[in-house]
């Protein structure tokens, strides 16, 4: 049986279409709830309720530390009968306020059987973030350090131009797998605001 270029092309096209359809149509089971206070194009101000999260801090360079943190949290959330079925989004990441490294946070699934707050042997800590107001800038494309820094500068300029005051360090929210093509990724830069 001969396989010709037309058959290969049709197979590749079908696989690409299926992947794009899955990415565009799949919706996470649990997404961080928030209410939009105001929206200005890709910029918005949001009110988040208190969120239950699992977090871990890993020292090192941002990308490597966040990768290790993601793996530790996934092992924790999905392990030992805790009830995680799909990864809740976004995955939050920021620099630890104590300067120890990079913090990765997972929103805990509503139906997960999670023990009382504390810290595991892998450094996973459970906590509830307080309700807060956040300025957000949503973008698609690469989430490299350069891109995140550039979008942070844009968000800080927008905050200043709108008479708002930052009340904490920048955070990043990642909504997609690293295997998602960059133009289809949803990433956000978040800055807490003074009340």
C-alpha atoms as a PDB file:
ATOM      1  CA  UNK A   1       0.000   0.000   0.000  1.00  0.00           C
ATOM      2  CA  UNK A   2       1.370   3.347  -1.008  1.00  0.00           C
ATOM      3  CA  UNK A   3       0.935   6.356   1.227  1.00  0.00           C
ATOM      4  CA  UNK A   4       0.884   9.538  -0.781  1.00  0.00           C
ATOM      5  CA  UNK A   5       1.433  13.138   0.285  1.00  0.00           C
ATOM      6  CA  UNK A   6      -2.282  13.929   0.004  1.00  0.00           C
ATOM      7  CA  UNK A   7      -3.187  11.244   2.610  1.00  0.00           C
ATOM      8  CA  UNK A   8      -0.465  12.426   4.973  1.00  0.00           C
ATOM      9  CA  UNK A   9      -1.576  16.045   4.563  1.00  0.00           C
ATOM     10  CA  UNK A  10      -5.202  15.126   5.284  1.00  0.00           C
ATOM     11  CA  UNK A  11      -4.173  13.210   8.423  1.00  0.00           C
ATOM     12  CA  UNK A  12      -2.051  16.099   9.706  1.00  0.00           C
ATOM     13  CA  UNK A  13      -4.839  18.588   8.983  1.00  0.00           C
ATOM     14  CA  UNK A  14      -7.377  16.458  10.868  1.00  0.00           C
ATOM     15  CA  UNK A  15      -5.059  16.136  13.875  1.00  0.00           C
ATOM     16  CA  UNK A  16      -4.407  19.883  13.952  1.00  0.00           C
ATOM     17  CA  UNK A  17      -8.138  20.650  13.647  1.00  0.00           C
ATOM     18  CA  UNK A  18      -8.985  18.240  16.473  1.00  0.00           C
ATOM     19  CA  UNK A  19      -6.326  19.751  18.724  1.00  0.00           C
ATOM     20  CA  UNK A  20      -7.424  23.329  18.024  1.00  0.00           C
ATOM     21  CA  UNK A  21     -11.061  22.373  18.597  1.00  0.00           C
ATOM     22  CA  UNK A  22     -10.229  20.756  21.921  1.00  0.00           C
ATOM     23  CA  UNK A  23      -8.228  23.794  23.045  1.00  0.00           C
ATOM     24  CA  UNK A  24     -10.907  26.279  22.003  1.00  0.00           C
ATOM     25  CA  UNK A  25     -13.928  24.342  23.241  1.00  0.00           C
ATOM     26  CA  UNK A  26     -12.620  22.769  26.441  1.00  0.00           C
ATOM     27  CA  UNK A  27     -13.521  24.693  29.565  1.00  0.00           C
ATOM     28  CA  UNK A  28     -12.002  24.001  32.951  1.00  0.00           C
ATOM     29  CA  UNK A  29     -14.257  22.580  35.652  1.00  0.00           C
ATOM     30  CA  UNK A  30     -13.108  25.099  38.247  1.00  0.00           C
ATOM     31  CA  UNK A  31     -11.996  28.601  37.402  1.00  0.00           C
ATOM     32  CA  UNK A  32     -11.205  31.242  39.982  1.00  0.00           C
ATOM     33  CA  UNK A  33     -14.429  33.136  40.608  1.00  0.00           C
ATOM     34  CA  UNK A  34     -14.347  36.919  40.401  1.00  0.00           C
ATOM     35  CA  UNK A  35     -16.641  39.801  39.603  1.00  0.00           C
ATOM     36  CA  UNK A  36     -15.604  42.421  37.084  1.00  0.00           C
ATOM     37  CA  UNK A  37     -15.679  45.967  38.468  1.00  0.00           C
ATOM     38  CA  UNK A  38     -14.594  47.642  35.229  1.00  0.00           C
ATOM     39  CA  UNK A  39     -13.187  46.604  31.855  1.00  0.00           C
ATOM     40  CA  UNK A  40     -11.094  48.614  29.390  1.00  0.00           C
ATOM     41  CA  UNK A  41     -10.134  46.395  26.460  1.00  0.00           C
ATOM     42  CA  UNK A  42      -7.645  43.811  27.762  1.00  0.00           C
ATOM     43  CA  UNK A  43      -7.429  45.620  31.135  1.00  0.00           C
ATOM     44  CA  UNK A  44      -9.872  45.036  33.967  1.00  0.00           C
ATOM     45  CA  UNK A  45     -10.403  45.545  37.674  1.00  0.00           C
ATOM     46  CA  UNK A  46     -11.785  42.496  39.459  1.00  0.00           C
ATOM     47  CA  UNK A  47     -12.973  41.596  42.921  1.00  0.00           C
ATOM     48  CA  UNK A  48     -11.891  38.099  43.982  1.00  0.00           C
ATOM     49  CA  UNK A  49     -13.451  36.361  46.979  1.00  0.00           C
ATOM     50  CA  UNK A  50     -11.233  34.438  49.378  1.00  0.00           C
ATOM     51  CA  UNK A  51      -9.687  31.573  47.402  1.00  0.00           C
ATOM     52  CA  UNK A  52      -8.533  28.202  48.794  1.00  0.00           C
ATOM     53  CA  UNK A  53      -5.140  27.361  47.345  1.00  0.00           C
ATOM     54  CA  UNK A  54      -2.276  24.925  47.642  1.00  0.00           C
ATOM     55  CA  UNK A  55       1.074  26.632  47.189  1.00  0.00           C
ATOM     56  CA  UNK A  56       4.761  25.836  47.140  1.00  0.00           C
ATOM     57  CA  UNK A  57       7.878  28.027  46.997  1.00  0.00           C
ATOM     58  CA  UNK A  58      10.892  26.796  45.017  1.00  0.00           C
ATOM     59  CA  UNK A  59      14.224  28.643  44.783  1.00  0.00           C
ATOM     60  CA  UNK A  60      16.014  29.196  41.481  1.00  0.00           C
ATOM     61  CA  UNK A  61      15.357  30.752  38.094  1.00  0.00           C
ATOM     62  CA  UNK A  62      11.696  31.561  37.402  1.00  0.00           C
ATOM     63  CA  UNK A  63      10.892  29.024  34.685  1.00  0.00           C
ATOM     64  CA  UNK A  64      12.688  26.091  36.332  1.00  0.00           C
ATOM     65  CA  UNK A  65      11.321  26.909  39.804  1.00  0.00           C
ATOM     66  CA  UNK A  66       7.747  27.216  38.530  1.00  0.00           C
ATOM     67  CA  UNK A  67       8.059  23.902  36.685  1.00  0.00           C
ATOM     68  CA  UNK A  68       9.202  22.129  39.865  1.00  0.00           C
ATOM     69  CA  UNK A  69       6.460  23.874  41.859  1.00  0.00           C
ATOM     70  CA  UNK A  70       3.812  22.845  39.323  1.00  0.00           C
ATOM     71  CA  UNK A  71       4.901  19.200  39.535  1.00  0.00           C
ATOM     72  CA  UNK A  72       4.861  19.177  43.356  1.00  0.00           C
ATOM     73  CA  UNK A  73       1.405  20.743  43.462  1.00  0.00           C
ATOM     74  CA  UNK A  74       0.001  18.390  40.824  1.00  0.00           C
ATOM     75  CA  UNK A  75       1.332  15.410  42.785  1.00  0.00           C
ATOM     76  CA  UNK A  76      -0.317  16.773  45.922  1.00  0.00           C
ATOM     77  CA  UNK A  77      -3.703  17.818  44.486  1.00  0.00           C
ATOM     78  CA  UNK A  78      -4.230  14.684  42.394  1.00  0.00           C
ATOM     79  CA  UNK A  79      -2.589  12.221  44.773  1.00  0.00           C
ATOM     80  CA  UNK A  80      -3.836  10.029  47.582  1.00  0.00           C
ATOM     81  CA  UNK A  81      -7.582  10.321  46.875  1.00  0.00           C
ATOM     82  CA  UNK A  82      -7.916  14.075  47.186  1.00  0.00           C
ATOM     83  CA  UNK A  83     -10.530  14.221  44.442  1.00  0.00           C
ATOM     84  CA  UNK A  84      -8.825  16.395  41.827  1.00  0.00           C
ATOM     85  CA  UNK A  85     -10.073  15.412  38.363  1.00  0.00           C
ATOM     86  CA  UNK A  86      -8.909  18.323  36.256  1.00  0.00           C
ATOM     87  CA  UNK A  87      -6.503  21.101  36.989  1.00  0.00           C
ATOM     88  CA  UNK A  88      -8.374  24.171  38.221  1.00  0.00           C
ATOM     89  CA  UNK A  89      -7.253  27.384  36.571  1.00  0.00           C
ATOM     90  CA  UNK A  90      -5.559  29.679  36.607  1.00  0.00           C
ATOM     91  CA  UNK A  91      -2.251  28.479  37.962  1.00  0.00           C
ATOM     92  CA  UNK A  92      -0.971  31.512  39.882  1.00  0.00           C
ATOM     93  CA  UNK A  93       2.743  32.325  40.104  1.00  0.00           C
ATOM     94  CA  UNK A  94       4.714  35.112  41.725  1.00  0.00           C
ATOM     95  CA  UNK A  95       7.907  35.835  43.605  1.00  0.00           C
ATOM     96  CA  UNK A  96       7.700  34.824  47.262  1.00  0.00           C
ATOM     97  CA  UNK A  97       7.406  37.875  49.522  1.00  0.00           C
ATOM     98  CA  UNK A  98      10.257  36.565  51.702  1.00  0.00           C
ATOM     99  CA  UNK A  99      12.563  36.436  48.680  1.00  0.00           C
ATOM    100  CA  UNK A 100      13.048  32.665  49.021  1.00  0.00           C
ATOM    101  CA  UNK A 101      12.125  31.847  45.434  1.00  0.00           C
ATOM    102  CA  UNK A 102       9.128  31.516  43.124  1.00  0.00           C
ATOM    103  CA  UNK A 103       5.687  30.619  44.458  1.00  0.00           C
ATOM    104  CA  UNK A 104       3.240  28.505  42.449  1.00  0.00           C
ATOM    105  CA  UNK A 105      -0.414  28.253  43.533  1.00  0.00           C
ATOM    106  CA  UNK A 106      -3.233  25.972  42.456  1.00  0.00           C
ATOM    107  CA  UNK A 107      -6.822  26.878  43.120  1.00  0.00           C
ATOM    108  CA  UNK A 108      -8.161  23.899  45.062  1.00  0.00           C
ATOM    109  CA  UNK A 109     -11.011  21.985  43.419  1.00  0.00           C
ATOM    110  CA  UNK A 110     -14.302  22.550  45.223  1.00  0.00           C
ATOM    111  CA  UNK A 111     -14.826  18.794  45.638  1.00  0.00           C
ATOM    112  CA  UNK A 112     -11.272  17.949  46.747  1.00  0.00           C
ATOM    113  CA  UNK A 113     -10.783  16.200  50.075  1.00  0.00           C
ATOM    114  CA  UNK A 114      -8.093  18.455  51.496  1.00  0.00           C
ATOM    115  CA  UNK A 115      -6.581  18.166  54.950  1.00  0.00           C
ATOM    116  CA  UNK A 116      -6.318  21.037  57.417  1.00  0.00           C
ATOM    117  CA  UNK A 117      -3.842  23.821  56.570  1.00  0.00           C
ATOM    118  CA  UNK A 118      -0.214  23.031  57.221  1.00  0.00           C
ATOM    119  CA  UNK A 119       2.899  22.191  55.255  1.00  0.00           C
ATOM    120  CA  UNK A 120       3.747  18.833  53.704  1.00  0.00           C
ATOM    121  CA  UNK A 121       7.189  17.269  53.496  1.00  0.00           C
ATOM    122  CA  UNK A 122       7.409  18.575  49.889  1.00  0.00           C
ATOM    123  CA  UNK A 123       6.775  22.132  51.103  1.00  0.00           C
ATOM    124  CA  UNK A 124       3.154  22.301  49.912  1.00  0.00           C
ATOM    125  CA  UNK A 125       1.148  24.654  52.092  1.00  0.00           C
ATOM    126  CA  UNK A 126      -2.645  25.065  52.158  1.00  0.00           C
ATOM    127  CA  UNK A 127      -4.162  28.468  52.767  1.00  0.00           C
ATOM    128  CA  UNK A 128      -7.027  30.767  51.977  1.00  0.00           C
ATOM    129  CA  UNK A 129      -6.135  33.972  50.201  1.00  0.00           C
ATOM    130  CA  UNK A 130      -8.136  36.932  51.489  1.00  0.00           C
ATOM    131  CA  UNK A 131     -10.742  38.644  49.318  1.00  0.00           C
ATOM    132  CA  UNK A 132      -9.029  41.316  47.259  1.00  0.00           C
ATOM    133  CA  UNK A 133      -9.303  43.734  44.352  1.00  0.00           C
ATOM    134  CA  UNK A 134      -6.982  43.049  41.421  1.00  0.00           C
ATOM    135  CA  UNK A 135      -5.994  44.962  38.278  1.00  0.00           C
ATOM    136  CA  UNK A 136      -5.534  42.508  35.421  1.00  0.00           C
ATOM    137  CA  UNK A 137      -4.119  42.567  31.905  1.00  0.00           C
ATOM    138  CA  UNK A 138      -4.987  39.567  29.716  1.00  0.00           C
ATOM    139  CA  UNK A 139      -2.820  38.640  26.744  1.00  0.00           C
ATOM    140  CA  UNK A 140      -2.101  35.825  24.313  1.00  0.00           C
ATOM    141  CA  UNK A 141       1.295  34.723  23.075  1.00  0.00           C
ATOM    142  CA  UNK A 142       4.577  33.862  24.706  1.00  0.00           C
ATOM    143  CA  UNK A 143       4.833  34.018  28.491  1.00  0.00           C
ATOM    144  CA  UNK A 144       8.593  34.582  28.586  1.00  0.00           C
ATOM    145  CA  UNK A 145      10.145  36.766  31.279  1.00  0.00           C
ATOM    146  CA  UNK A 146      10.493  39.592  28.747  1.00  0.00           C
ATOM    147  CA  UNK A 147       6.832  39.374  27.739  1.00  0.00           C
ATOM    148  CA  UNK A 148       5.663  39.225  31.364  1.00  0.00           C
ATOM    149  CA  UNK A 149       7.843  42.241  32.272  1.00  0.00           C
ATOM    150  CA  UNK A 150       6.539  44.243  29.291  1.00  0.00           C
ATOM    151  CA  UNK A 151       2.903  43.483  30.149  1.00  0.00           C
ATOM    152  CA  UNK A 152       3.552  44.337  33.808  1.00  0.00           C
ATOM    153  CA  UNK A 153       4.874  47.756  32.722  1.00  0.00           C
ATOM    154  CA  UNK A 154       1.725  48.251  30.594  1.00  0.00           C
ATOM    155  CA  UNK A 155      -0.518  47.324  33.515  1.00  0.00           C
ATOM    156  CA  UNK A 156       1.334  49.606  35.935  1.00  0.00           C
ATOM    157  CA  UNK A 157       0.990  52.499  33.456  1.00  0.00           C
ATOM    158  CA  UNK A 158      -2.749  51.796  33.115  1.00  0.00           C
ATOM    159  CA  UNK A 159      -3.149  51.648  36.907  1.00  0.00           C
ATOM    160  CA  UNK A 160      -1.436  55.031  37.268  1.00  0.00           C
ATOM    161  CA  UNK A 161      -3.406  56.611  34.412  1.00  0.00           C
ATOM    162  CA  UNK A 162      -6.651  55.509  36.083  1.00  0.00           C
ATOM    163  CA  UNK A 163      -5.807  56.893  39.528  1.00  0.00           C
ATOM    164  CA  UNK A 164      -5.496  53.466  41.131  1.00  0.00           C
ATOM    165  CA  UNK A 165      -2.855  52.433  43.691  1.00  0.00           C
ATOM    166  CA  UNK A 166      -0.964  49.109  43.655  1.00  0.00           C
ATOM    167  CA  UNK A 167      -1.039  47.259  46.976  1.00  0.00           C
ATOM    168  CA  UNK A 168       1.269  44.322  46.372  1.00  0.00           C
ATOM    169  CA  UNK A 169       3.692  42.623  44.022  1.00  0.00           C
ATOM    170  CA  UNK A 170       2.854  41.408  40.539  1.00  0.00           C
ATOM    171  CA  UNK A 171       1.392  37.932  40.053  1.00  0.00           C
ATOM    172  CA  UNK A 172       0.931  35.884  36.886  1.00  0.00           C
ATOM    173  CA  UNK A 173      -1.999  33.653  35.964  1.00  0.00           C
ATOM    174  CA  UNK A 174      -1.547  30.836  33.446  1.00  0.00           C
ATOM    175  CA  UNK A 175      -4.613  29.148  31.941  1.00  0.00           C
ATOM    176  CA  UNK A 176      -3.192  26.679  29.438  1.00  0.00           C
ATOM    177  CA  UNK A 177      -0.826  23.770  29.082  1.00  0.00           C
ATOM    178  CA  UNK A 178       2.658  24.665  27.843  1.00  0.00           C
ATOM    179  CA  UNK A 179       1.810  22.510  24.804  1.00  0.00           C
ATOM    180  CA  UNK A 180      -0.905  24.989  23.755  1.00  0.00           C
ATOM    181  CA  UNK A 181       0.262  27.048  20.749  1.00  0.00           C
ATOM    182  CA  UNK A 182       1.322  30.515  21.936  1.00  0.00           C
ATOM    183  CA  UNK A 183      -1.348  32.452  19.971  1.00  0.00           C
ATOM    184  CA  UNK A 184      -4.062  30.398  21.727  1.00  0.00           C
ATOM    185  CA  UNK A 185      -2.696  30.787  25.267  1.00  0.00           C
ATOM    186  CA  UNK A 186      -4.440  32.901  27.860  1.00  0.00           C
ATOM    187  CA  UNK A 187      -2.080  34.538  30.331  1.00  0.00           C
ATOM    188  CA  UNK A 188      -2.704  37.408  32.739  1.00  0.00           C
ATOM    189  CA  UNK A 189      -0.608  39.849  34.710  1.00  0.00           C
ATOM    190  CA  UNK A 190      -2.287  40.679  38.051  1.00  0.00           C
ATOM    191  CA  UNK A 191      -1.514  43.452  40.530  1.00  0.00           C
ATOM    192  CA  UNK A 192      -3.425  43.793  43.830  1.00  0.00           C
ATOM    193  CA  UNK A 193      -5.008  47.215  44.366  1.00  0.00           C
ATOM    194  CA  UNK A 194      -5.492  49.321  47.486  1.00  0.00           C
ATOM    195  CA  UNK A 195      -9.118  49.311  48.637  1.00  0.00           C
END
